């Protein structure tokens, strides 16, 4: 009987610890530009990784378009970004949360 109680307590303790662990969360950020913005291809950099906006959009395309500068699997947090289209440049920060964050460059 004492072994059974020990096993139950051990199982309970493992269960509590597994739920209380701080699990890392990840998200994506998508950079896009509005139709008629007049910008060319924009190269966006976060954490030494570069992705390009290759087309304009009438509305926020979210993280589903292949023509946005998409950065996936980023741990939740605040990131610095830079962007350049050959003439114009952008610098800023973006807060990445679980899911998709969309940023319009204008």
Foldseek 3Di string as FASTA:
>chain_A
DVVVVVVVVVVVVVVVVVVPDDDWAWEKEWEAEAPPPPFAKKWKDWPNDIFIQHDHDNDFPWQPDPNTRMDTGHTFAKTWMKMDRPPDIDTDIDTGDHYYHYHYDD
